[in-house]
């Protein structure tokens, strides 16, 4: 089972999401992102998981038409992959991922 932690910016961004946005992100992570991690980081194309050009080692995940989340891979734990969630919100978060 992958583990995760959140950065301060992510926590702050999370508070500004609507309840619908929070549920959608949580569902996408549970139903598509985590299974991709378990399959060796093979994500379905609709998630559009890709590197952020302006920030080496930072990746973005598309969880809604204008919903993005950025993350990095942390040190792997005994249970597998560790994700560090950095930002969440609209496409605008990519200016400071």
PDB file of N, CA and C in Angstrom:
ATOM      1  N   UNK A   1       0.851  -1.187   0.000  1.00  0.00           N
ATOM      2  CA  UNK A   1       0.000   0.000   0.000  1.00  0.00           C
ATOM      3  C   UNK A   1       0.882   1.231   0.000  1.00  0.00           C
ATOM      4  N   UNK A   2       0.703   2.123  -0.958  1.00  0.00           N
ATOM      5  CA  UNK A   2       1.494   3.354  -0.972  1.00  0.00           C
ATOM      6  C   UNK A   2       1.197   4.210   0.261  1.00  0.00           C
ATOM      7  N   UNK A   3       2.197   4.955   0.688  1.00  0.00           N
ATOM      8  CA  UNK A   3       2.028   5.898   1.788  1.00  0.00           C
ATOM      9  C   UNK A   3       2.131   7.306   1.220  1.00  0.00           C
ATOM     10  N   UNK A   4       1.705   8.286   2.020  1.00  0.00           N
ATOM     11  CA  UNK A   4       1.782   9.657   1.537  1.00  0.00           C
ATOM     12  C   UNK A   4       1.919  10.622   2.704  1.00  0.00           C
ATOM     13  N   UNK A   5       2.316  11.824   2.352  1.00  0.00           N
ATOM     14  CA  UNK A   5       2.317  12.948   3.278  1.00  0.00           C
ATOM     15  C   UNK A   5       1.957  14.183   2.461  1.00  0.00           C
ATOM     16  N   UNK A   6       1.615  15.248   3.139  1.00  0.00           N
ATOM     17  CA  UNK A   6       1.247  16.478   2.442  1.00  0.00           C
ATOM     18  C   UNK A   6       2.142  17.621   2.898  1.00  0.00           C
ATOM     19  N   UNK A   7       2.474  18.487   1.956  1.00  0.00           N
ATOM     20  CA  UNK A   7       3.214  19.708   2.266  1.00  0.00           C
ATOM     21  C   UNK A   7       2.234  20.759   2.782  1.00  0.00           C
ATOM     22  N   UNK A   8       2.763  21.773   3.408  1.00  0.00           N
ATOM     23  CA  UNK A   8       1.939  22.860   3.942  1.00  0.00           C
ATOM     24  C   UNK A   8       1.095  23.514   2.857  1.00  0.00           C
ATOM     25  N   UNK A   9       1.677  23.733   1.682  1.00  0.00           N
ATOM     26  CA  UNK A   9       0.932  24.353   0.580  1.00  0.00           C
ATOM     27  C   UNK A   9      -0.262  23.495   0.168  1.00  0.00           C
ATOM     28  N   UNK A  10      -0.069  22.183   0.133  1.00  0.00           N
ATOM     29  CA  UNK A  10      -1.159  21.285  -0.234  1.00  0.00           C
ATOM     30  C   UNK A  10      -2.298  21.412   0.773  1.00  0.00           C
ATOM     31  N   UNK A  11      -1.959  21.395   2.050  1.00  0.00           N
ATOM     32  CA  UNK A  11      -2.977  21.511   3.103  1.00  0.00           C
ATOM     33  C   UNK A  11      -3.739  22.828   2.974  1.00  0.00           C
ATOM     34  N   UNK A  12      -3.014  23.899   2.703  1.00  0.00           N
ATOM     35  CA  UNK A  12      -3.650  25.212   2.522  1.00  0.00           C
ATOM     36  C   UNK A  12      -4.553  25.200   1.282  1.00  0.00           C
ATOM     37  N   UNK A  13      -4.049  24.657   0.171  1.00  0.00           N
ATOM     38  CA  UNK A  13      -4.844  24.570  -1.058  1.00  0.00           C
ATOM     39  C   UNK A  13      -6.101  23.726  -0.842  1.00  0.00           C
ATOM     40  N   UNK A  14      -5.958  22.620  -0.121  1.00  0.00           N
ATOM     41  CA  UNK A  14      -7.061  21.692   0.135  1.00  0.00           C
ATOM     42  C   UNK A  14      -8.231  22.412   0.792  1.00  0.00           C
ATOM     43  N   UNK A  15      -7.938  23.301   1.710  1.00  0.00           N
ATOM     44  CA  UNK A  15      -8.979  24.032   2.428  1.00  0.00           C
ATOM     45  C   UNK A  15      -9.796  24.937   1.509  1.00  0.00           C
ATOM     46  N   UNK A  16      -9.232  25.283   0.352  1.00  0.00           N
ATOM     47  CA  UNK A  16      -9.931  26.157  -0.592  1.00  0.00           C
ATOM     48  C   UNK A  16     -10.704  25.393  -1.659  1.00  0.00           C
ATOM     49  N   UNK A  17     -10.614  24.066  -1.648  1.00  0.00           N
ATOM     50  CA  UNK A  17     -11.406  23.267  -2.584  1.00  0.00           C
ATOM     51  C   UNK A  17     -12.833  23.130  -2.068  1.00  0.00           C
ATOM     52  N   UNK A  18     -13.746  22.943  -2.983  1.00  0.00           N
ATOM     53  CA  UNK A  18     -15.126  22.682  -2.587  1.00  0.00           C
ATOM     54  C   UNK A  18     -15.240  21.230  -2.138  1.00  0.00           C
ATOM     55  N   UNK A  19     -16.285  20.889  -1.393  1.00  0.00           N
ATOM     56  CA  UNK A  19     -16.477  19.481  -1.021  1.00  0.00           C
ATOM     57  C   UNK A  19     -16.547  18.561  -2.239  1.00  0.00           C
ATOM     58  N   UNK A  20     -17.143  19.016  -3.321  1.00  0.00           N
ATOM     59  CA  UNK A  20     -17.227  18.207  -4.544  1.00  0.00           C
ATOM     60  C   UNK A  20     -15.831  17.965  -5.116  1.00  0.00           C
ATOM     61  N   UNK A  21     -14.998  18.998  -5.138  1.00  0.00           N
ATOM     62  CA  UNK A  21     -13.633  18.844  -5.636  1.00  0.00           C
ATOM     63  C   UNK A  21     -12.831  17.877  -4.760  1.00  0.00           C
ATOM     64  N   UNK A  22     -12.994  17.987  -3.467  1.00  0.00           N
ATOM     65  CA  UNK A  22     -12.280  17.082  -2.550  1.00  0.00           C
ATOM     66  C   UNK A  22     -12.675  15.631  -2.787  1.00  0.00           C
ATOM     67  N   UNK A  23     -13.975  15.397  -2.928  1.00  0.00           N
ATOM     68  CA  UNK A  23     -14.442  14.028  -3.170  1.00  0.00           C
ATOM     69  C   UNK A  23     -13.912  13.495  -4.498  1.00  0.00           C
ATOM     70  N   UNK A  24     -13.924  14.342  -5.512  1.00  0.00           N
ATOM     71  CA  UNK A  24     -13.460  13.899  -6.833  1.00  0.00           C
ATOM     72  C   UNK A  24     -11.974  13.537  -6.788  1.00  0.00           C
ATOM     73  N   UNK A  25     -11.163  14.390  -6.180  1.00  0.00           N
ATOM     74  CA  UNK A  25      -9.737  14.095  -6.070  1.00  0.00           C
ATOM     75  C   UNK A  25      -9.519  12.787  -5.321  1.00  0.00           C
ATOM     76  N   UNK A  26     -10.182  12.635  -4.197  1.00  0.00           N
ATOM     77  CA  UNK A  26     -10.032  11.431  -3.377  1.00  0.00           C
ATOM     78  C   UNK A  26     -10.430  10.187  -4.161  1.00  0.00           C
ATOM     79  N   UNK A  27     -11.513  10.277  -4.921  1.00  0.00           N
ATOM     80  CA  UNK A  27     -11.967   9.142  -5.722  1.00  0.00           C
ATOM     81  C   UNK A  27     -10.952   8.796  -6.824  1.00  0.00           C
ATOM     82  N   UNK A  28     -10.434   9.816  -7.505  1.00  0.00           N
ATOM     83  CA  UNK A  28      -9.455   9.573  -8.571  1.00  0.00           C
ATOM     84  C   UNK A  28      -8.186   8.940  -8.004  1.00  0.00           C
ATOM     85  N   UNK A  29      -7.741   9.421  -6.855  1.00  0.00           N
ATOM     86  CA  UNK A  29      -6.547   8.840  -6.244  1.00  0.00           C
ATOM     87  C   UNK A  29      -6.801   7.382  -5.878  1.00  0.00           C
ATOM     88  N   UNK A  30      -7.927   7.123  -5.243  1.00  0.00           N
ATOM     89  CA  UNK A  30      -8.248   5.766  -4.785  1.00  0.00           C
ATOM     90  C   UNK A  30      -8.473   4.800  -5.954  1.00  0.00           C
ATOM     91  N   UNK A  31      -9.210   5.249  -6.971  1.00  0.00           N
ATOM     92  CA  UNK A  31      -9.622   4.338  -8.037  1.00  0.00           C
ATOM     93  C   UNK A  31      -8.669   4.255  -9.227  1.00  0.00           C
ATOM     94  N   UNK A  32      -7.784   5.246  -9.397  1.00  0.00           N
ATOM     95  CA  UNK A  32      -6.914   5.237 -10.571  1.00  0.00           C
ATOM     96  C   UNK A  32      -5.430   5.454 -10.239  1.00  0.00           C
ATOM     97  N   UNK A  33      -5.136   6.414  -9.369  1.00  0.00           N
ATOM     98  CA  UNK A  33      -3.735   6.725  -9.079  1.00  0.00           C
ATOM     99  C   UNK A  33      -3.060   5.608  -8.283  1.00  0.00           C
ATOM    100  N   UNK A  34      -3.672   5.186  -7.188  1.00  0.00           N
ATOM    101  CA  UNK A  34      -3.076   4.134  -6.355  1.00  0.00           C
ATOM    102  C   UNK A  34      -2.939   2.824  -7.139  1.00  0.00           C
ATOM    103  N   UNK A  35      -3.953   2.396  -7.907  1.00  0.00           N
ATOM    104  CA  UNK A  35      -3.752   1.184  -8.714  1.00  0.00           C
ATOM    105  C   UNK A  35      -2.581   1.318  -9.698  1.00  0.00           C
ATOM    106  N   UNK A  36      -2.372   2.523 -10.237  1.00  0.00           N
ATOM    107  CA  UNK A  36      -1.231   2.746 -11.120  1.00  0.00           C
ATOM    108  C   UNK A  36       0.091   2.605 -10.389  1.00  0.00           C
ATOM    109  N   UNK A  37       0.139   3.110  -9.161  1.00  0.00           N
ATOM    110  CA  UNK A  37       1.354   2.948  -8.351  1.00  0.00           C
ATOM    111  C   UNK A  37       1.623   1.474  -8.081  1.00  0.00           C
ATOM    112  N   UNK A  38       0.568   0.756  -7.744  1.00  0.00           N
ATOM    113  CA  UNK A  38       0.721  -0.683  -7.463  1.00  0.00           C
ATOM    114  C   UNK A  38       1.175  -1.455  -8.691  1.00  0.00           C
ATOM    115  N   UNK A  39       0.814  -0.960  -9.868  1.00  0.00           N
ATOM    116  CA  UNK A  39       1.179  -1.629 -11.122  1.00  0.00           C
ATOM    117  C   UNK A  39       2.552  -1.176 -11.628  1.00  0.00           C
ATOM    118  N   UNK A  40       3.311  -0.541 -10.776  1.00  0.00           N
ATOM    119  CA  UNK A  40       4.651  -0.119 -11.187  1.00  0.00           C
ATOM    120  C   UNK A  40       4.676   1.236 -11.843  1.00  0.00           C
ATOM    121  N   UNK A  41       3.813   2.131 -11.378  1.00  0.00           N
ATOM    122  CA  UNK A  41       3.724   3.501 -11.903  1.00  0.00           C
ATOM    123  C   UNK A  41       3.252   3.522 -13.353  1.00  0.00           C
ATOM    124  N   UNK A  42       2.344   2.617 -13.649  1.00  0.00           N
ATOM    125  CA  UNK A  42       1.713   2.587 -14.962  1.00  0.00           C
ATOM    126  C   UNK A  42       0.335   3.216 -14.819  1.00  0.00           C
ATOM    127  N   UNK A  43       0.252   4.491 -15.136  1.00  0.00           N
ATOM    128  CA  UNK A  43      -0.987   5.233 -14.947  1.00  0.00           C
ATOM    129  C   UNK A  43      -1.793   5.242 -16.236  1.00  0.00           C
ATOM    130  N   UNK A  44      -3.106   5.198 -16.099  1.00  0.00           N
ATOM    131  CA  UNK A  44      -3.946   5.269 -17.291  1.00  0.00           C
ATOM    132  C   UNK A  44      -3.760   6.649 -17.938  1.00  0.00           C
ATOM    133  N   UNK A  45      -3.863   6.728 -19.258  1.00  0.00           N
ATOM    134  CA  UNK A  45      -3.600   7.986 -19.968  1.00  0.00           C
ATOM    135  C   UNK A  45      -4.463   9.166 -19.507  1.00  0.00           C
ATOM    136  N   UNK A  46      -5.702   8.929 -19.092  1.00  0.00           N
ATOM    137  CA  UNK A  46      -6.584  10.010 -18.681  1.00  0.00           C
ATOM    138  C   UNK A  46      -6.103  10.780 -17.461  1.00  0.00           C
ATOM    139  N   UNK A  47      -5.234  10.178 -16.644  1.00  0.00           N
ATOM    140  CA  UNK A  47      -4.699  10.871 -15.471  1.00  0.00           C
ATOM    141  C   UNK A  47      -3.639  11.894 -15.867  1.00  0.00           C
ATOM    142  N   UNK A  48      -3.082  11.708 -17.026  1.00  0.00           N
ATOM    143  CA  UNK A  48      -2.047  12.609 -17.528  1.00  0.00           C
ATOM    144  C   UNK A  48      -0.982  12.896 -16.463  1.00  0.00           C
ATOM    145  N   UNK A  49      -0.446  11.854 -15.882  1.00  0.00           N
ATOM    146  CA  UNK A  49       0.657  12.008 -14.937  1.00  0.00           C
ATOM    147  C   UNK A  49       1.912  12.265 -15.750  1.00  0.00           C
ATOM    148  N   UNK A  50       2.535  13.405 -15.494  1.00  0.00           N
ATOM    149  CA  UNK A  50       3.743  13.769 -16.240  1.00  0.00           C
ATOM    150  C   UNK A  50       4.581  14.724 -15.411  1.00  0.00           C
ATOM    151  N   UNK A  51       5.831  14.854 -15.792  1.00  0.00           N
ATOM    152  CA  UNK A  51       6.726  15.766 -15.100  1.00  0.00           C
ATOM    153  C   UNK A  51       6.361  17.213 -15.367  1.00  0.00           C
ATOM    154  N   UNK A  52       6.598  18.057 -14.381  1.00  0.00           N
ATOM    155  CA  UNK A  52       6.395  19.498 -14.546  1.00  0.00           C
ATOM    156  C   UNK A  52       7.691  20.052 -15.133  1.00  0.00           C
ATOM    157  N   UNK A  53       7.605  20.650 -16.303  1.00  0.00           N
ATOM    158  CA  UNK A  53       8.808  21.101 -17.010  1.00  0.00           C
ATOM    159  C   UNK A  53       9.688  22.043 -16.191  1.00  0.00           C
ATOM    160  N   UNK A  54       9.076  22.960 -15.478  1.00  0.00           N
ATOM    161  CA  UNK A  54       9.839  23.987 -14.761  1.00  0.00           C
ATOM    162  C   UNK A  54      10.336  23.534 -13.393  1.00  0.00           C
ATOM    163  N   UNK A  55      10.049  22.300 -13.010  1.00  0.00           N
ATOM    164  CA  UNK A  55      10.431  21.835 -11.670  1.00  0.00           C
ATOM    165  C   UNK A  55      10.868  20.375 -11.733  1.00  0.00           C
ATOM    166  N   UNK A  56      12.156  20.167 -11.759  1.00  0.00           N
ATOM    167  CA  UNK A  56      12.696  18.810 -11.846  1.00  0.00           C
ATOM    168  C   UNK A  56      12.257  17.966 -10.650  1.00  0.00           C
ATOM    169  N   UNK A  57      11.817  16.750 -10.936  1.00  0.00           N
ATOM    170  CA  UNK A  57      11.409  15.824  -9.883  1.00  0.00           C
ATOM    171  C   UNK A  57       9.991  16.016  -9.379  1.00  0.00           C
ATOM    172  N   UNK A  58       9.277  17.008  -9.927  1.00  0.00           N
ATOM    173  CA  UNK A  58       7.888  17.261  -9.545  1.00  0.00           C
ATOM    174  C   UNK A  58       6.998  16.772 -10.675  1.00  0.00           C
ATOM    175  N   UNK A  59       5.911  16.101 -10.311  1.00  0.00           N
ATOM    176  CA  UNK A  59       4.971  15.543 -11.282  1.00  0.00           C
ATOM    177  C   UNK A  59       3.591  16.144 -11.054  1.00  0.00           C
ATOM    178  N   UNK A  60       2.799  16.136 -12.109  1.00  0.00           N
ATOM    179  CA  UNK A  60       1.422  16.605 -11.981  1.00  0.00           C
ATOM    180  C   UNK A  60       0.463  15.485 -12.334  1.00  0.00           C
ATOM    181  N   UNK A  61      -0.697  15.544 -11.723  1.00  0.00           N
ATOM    182  CA  UNK A  61      -1.780  14.586 -11.938  1.00  0.00           C
ATOM    183  C   UNK A  61      -3.018  15.401 -12.277  1.00  0.00           C
ATOM    184  N   UNK A  62      -3.714  15.019 -13.335  1.00  0.00           N
ATOM    185  CA  UNK A  62      -4.967  15.668 -13.699  1.00  0.00           C
ATOM    186  C   UNK A  62      -6.106  14.877 -13.073  1.00  0.00           C
ATOM    187  N   UNK A  63      -6.867  15.514 -12.193  1.00  0.00           N
ATOM    188  CA  UNK A  63      -7.969  14.815 -11.516  1.00  0.00           C
ATOM    189  C   UNK A  63      -9.341  15.378 -11.899  1.00  0.00           C
ATOM    190  N   UNK A  64      -9.365  16.437 -12.709  1.00  0.00           N
ATOM    191  CA  UNK A  64     -10.607  17.038 -13.221  1.00  0.00           C
ATOM    192  C   UNK A  64     -10.217  17.867 -14.442  1.00  0.00           C
ATOM    193  N   UNK A  65     -11.177  18.321 -15.256  1.00  0.00           N
ATOM    194  CA  UNK A  65     -10.813  19.129 -16.418  1.00  0.00           C
ATOM    195  C   UNK A  65      -9.881  20.301 -16.071  1.00  0.00           C
ATOM    196  N   UNK A  66     -10.112  20.993 -14.966  1.00  0.00           N
ATOM    197  CA  UNK A  66      -9.190  22.032 -14.519  1.00  0.00           C
ATOM    198  C   UNK A  66      -8.730  21.735 -13.095  1.00  0.00           C
ATOM    199  N   UNK A  67      -8.514  20.468 -12.799  1.00  0.00           N
ATOM    200  CA  UNK A  67      -8.040  20.059 -11.483  1.00  0.00           C
ATOM    201  C   UNK A  67      -6.669  19.417 -11.605  1.00  0.00           C
ATOM    202  N   UNK A  68      -5.708  19.987 -10.915  1.00  0.00           N
ATOM    203  CA  UNK A  68      -4.347  19.467 -10.945  1.00  0.00           C
ATOM    204  C   UNK A  68      -3.837  19.268  -9.521  1.00  0.00           C
ATOM    205  N   UNK A  69      -2.963  18.315  -9.364  1.00  0.00           N
ATOM    206  CA  UNK A  69      -2.251  18.118  -8.102  1.00  0.00           C
ATOM    207  C   UNK A  69      -0.804  17.834  -8.465  1.00  0.00           C
ATOM    208  N   UNK A  70       0.107  18.385  -7.688  1.00  0.00           N
ATOM    209  CA  UNK A  70       1.517  18.105  -7.924  1.00  0.00           C
ATOM    210  C   UNK A  70       2.056  17.264  -6.777  1.00  0.00           C
ATOM    211  N   UNK A  71       3.062  16.464  -7.096  1.00  0.00           N
ATOM    212  CA  UNK A  71       3.639  15.569  -6.097  1.00  0.00           C
ATOM    213  C   UNK A  71       5.066  15.223  -6.470  1.00  0.00           C
ATOM    214  N   UNK A  72       5.774  14.692  -5.494  1.00  0.00           N
ATOM    215  CA  UNK A  72       7.091  14.114  -5.721  1.00  0.00           C
ATOM    216  C   UNK A  72       7.068  12.708  -5.138  1.00  0.00           C
ATOM    217  N   UNK A  73       8.008  11.918  -5.567  1.00  0.00           N
ATOM    218  CA  UNK A  73       8.177  10.592  -4.990  1.00  0.00           C
ATOM    219  C   UNK A  73       9.131  10.719  -3.819  1.00  0.00           C
ATOM    220  N   UNK A  74       8.711  10.247  -2.673  1.00  0.00           N
ATOM    221  CA  UNK A  74       9.561  10.257  -1.496  1.00  0.00           C
ATOM    222  C   UNK A  74      10.317   8.950  -1.380  1.00  0.00           C
ATOM    223  N   UNK A  75      11.013   8.820  -0.307  1.00  0.00           N
ATOM    224  CA  UNK A  75      11.768   7.597  -0.034  1.00  0.00           C
ATOM    225  C   UNK A  75      10.796   6.432   0.140  1.00  0.00           C
ATOM    226  N   UNK A  76      11.035   5.345  -0.576  1.00  0.00           N
ATOM    227  CA  UNK A  76      10.130   4.198  -0.501  1.00  0.00           C
ATOM    228  C   UNK A  76      10.134   3.592   0.895  1.00  0.00           C
ATOM    229  N   UNK A  77       8.959   3.199   1.313  1.00  0.00           N
ATOM    230  CA  UNK A  77       8.780   2.567   2.615  1.00  0.00           C
ATOM    231  C   UNK A  77       8.671   1.063   2.418  1.00  0.00           C
ATOM    232  N   UNK A  78       8.613   0.362   3.495  1.00  0.00           N
ATOM    233  CA  UNK A  78       8.513  -1.103   3.437  1.00  0.00           C
ATOM    234  C   UNK A  78       7.281  -1.533   2.637  1.00  0.00           C
ATOM    235  N   UNK A  79       6.237  -0.747   2.710  1.00  0.00           N
ATOM    236  CA  UNK A  79       4.991  -1.087   2.011  1.00  0.00           C
ATOM    237  C   UNK A  79       4.965  -0.616   0.562  1.00  0.00           C
ATOM    238  N   UNK A  80       6.018   0.019   0.107  1.00  0.00           N
ATOM    239  CA  UNK A  80       6.053   0.463  -1.287  1.00  0.00           C
ATOM    240  C   UNK A  80       6.290   1.944  -1.435  1.00  0.00           C
ATOM    241  N   UNK A  81       5.725   2.484  -2.473  1.00  0.00           N
ATOM    242  CA  UNK A  81       5.935   3.868  -2.889  1.00  0.00           C
ATOM    243  C   UNK A  81       5.442   4.875  -1.839  1.00  0.00           C
ATOM    244  N   UNK A  82       6.141   6.006  -1.738  1.00  0.00           N
ATOM    245  CA  UNK A  82       5.739   7.088  -0.840  1.00  0.00           C
ATOM    246  C   UNK A  82       5.561   8.355  -1.680  1.00  0.00           C
ATOM    247  N   UNK A  83       4.390   8.968  -1.573  1.00  0.00           N
ATOM    248  CA  UNK A  83       4.045  10.168  -2.343  1.00  0.00           C
ATOM    249  C   UNK A  83       4.036  11.373  -1.419  1.00  0.00           C
ATOM    250  N   UNK A  84       4.609  12.465  -1.885  1.00  0.00           N
ATOM    251  CA  UNK A  84       4.554  13.732  -1.152  1.00  0.00           C
ATOM    252  C   UNK A  84       3.719  14.685  -1.993  1.00  0.00           C
ATOM    253  N   UNK A  85       2.498  14.937  -1.539  1.00  0.00           N
ATOM    254  CA  UNK A  85       1.596  15.852  -2.245  1.00  0.00           C
ATOM    255  C   UNK A  85       2.046  17.280  -1.968  1.00  0.00           C
ATOM    256  N   UNK A  86       2.239  18.067  -3.028  1.00  0.00           N
ATOM    257  CA  UNK A  86       2.778  19.419  -2.913  1.00  0.00           C
ATOM    258  C   UNK A  86       1.722  20.512  -3.054  1.00  0.00           C
ATOM    259  N   UNK A  87       0.918  20.449  -4.109  1.00  0.00           N
ATOM    260  CA  UNK A  87      -0.104  21.471  -4.376  1.00  0.00           C
ATOM    261  C   UNK A  87      -1.334  20.791  -4.946  1.00  0.00           C
ATOM    262  N   UNK A  88      -2.486  21.463  -4.825  1.00  0.00           N
ATOM    263  CA  UNK A  88      -3.722  20.972  -5.437  1.00  0.00           C
ATOM    264  C   UNK A  88      -4.585  22.171  -5.767  1.00  0.00           C
ATOM    265  N   UNK A  89      -5.261  22.108  -6.902  1.00  0.00           N
ATOM    266  CA  UNK A  89      -6.135  23.210  -7.306  1.00  0.00           C
ATOM    267  C   UNK A  89      -6.345  23.191  -8.807  1.00  0.00           C
ATOM    268  N   UNK A  90      -6.380  24.375  -9.391  1.00  0.00           N
ATOM    269  CA  UNK A  90      -6.557  24.514 -10.836  1.00  0.00           C
ATOM    270  C   UNK A  90      -5.201  24.491 -11.520  1.00  0.00           C
ATOM    271  N   UNK A  91      -5.233  24.659 -12.807  1.00  0.00           N
ATOM    272  CA  UNK A  91      -4.000  24.695 -13.613  1.00  0.00           C
ATOM    273  C   UNK A  91      -3.029  25.776 -13.100  1.00  0.00           C
ATOM    274  N   UNK A  92      -3.531  26.790 -12.424  1.00  0.00           N
ATOM    275  CA  UNK A  92      -2.691  27.886 -11.916  1.00  0.00           C
ATOM    276  C   UNK A  92      -1.626  27.423 -10.925  1.00  0.00           C
ATOM    277  N   UNK A  93      -1.827  26.299 -10.265  1.00  0.00           N
ATOM    278  CA  UNK A  93      -0.825  25.851  -9.291  1.00  0.00           C
ATOM    279  C   UNK A  93       0.497  25.510  -9.958  1.00  0.00           C
ATOM    280  N   UNK A  94       0.462  25.289 -11.270  1.00  0.00           N
ATOM    281  CA  UNK A  94       1.683  24.912 -11.969  1.00  0.00           C
ATOM    282  C   UNK A  94       2.669  26.068 -12.081  1.00  0.00           C
ATOM    283  N   UNK A  95       2.236  27.283 -11.758  1.00  0.00           N
ATOM    284  CA  UNK A  95       3.158  28.422 -11.736  1.00  0.00           C
ATOM    285  C   UNK A  95       4.114  28.316 -10.549  1.00  0.00           C
ATOM    286  N   UNK A  96       3.661  27.661  -9.485  1.00  0.00           N
ATOM    287  CA  UNK A  96       4.485  27.413  -8.290  1.00  0.00           C
ATOM    288  C   UNK A  96       4.179  25.993  -7.797  1.00  0.00           C
ATOM    289  N   UNK A  97       4.686  24.980  -8.534  1.00  0.00           N
ATOM    290  CA  UNK A  97       4.301  23.598  -8.247  1.00  0.00           C
ATOM    291  C   UNK A  97       4.834  23.084  -6.919  1.00  0.00           C
TER     292      UNK A  97
END
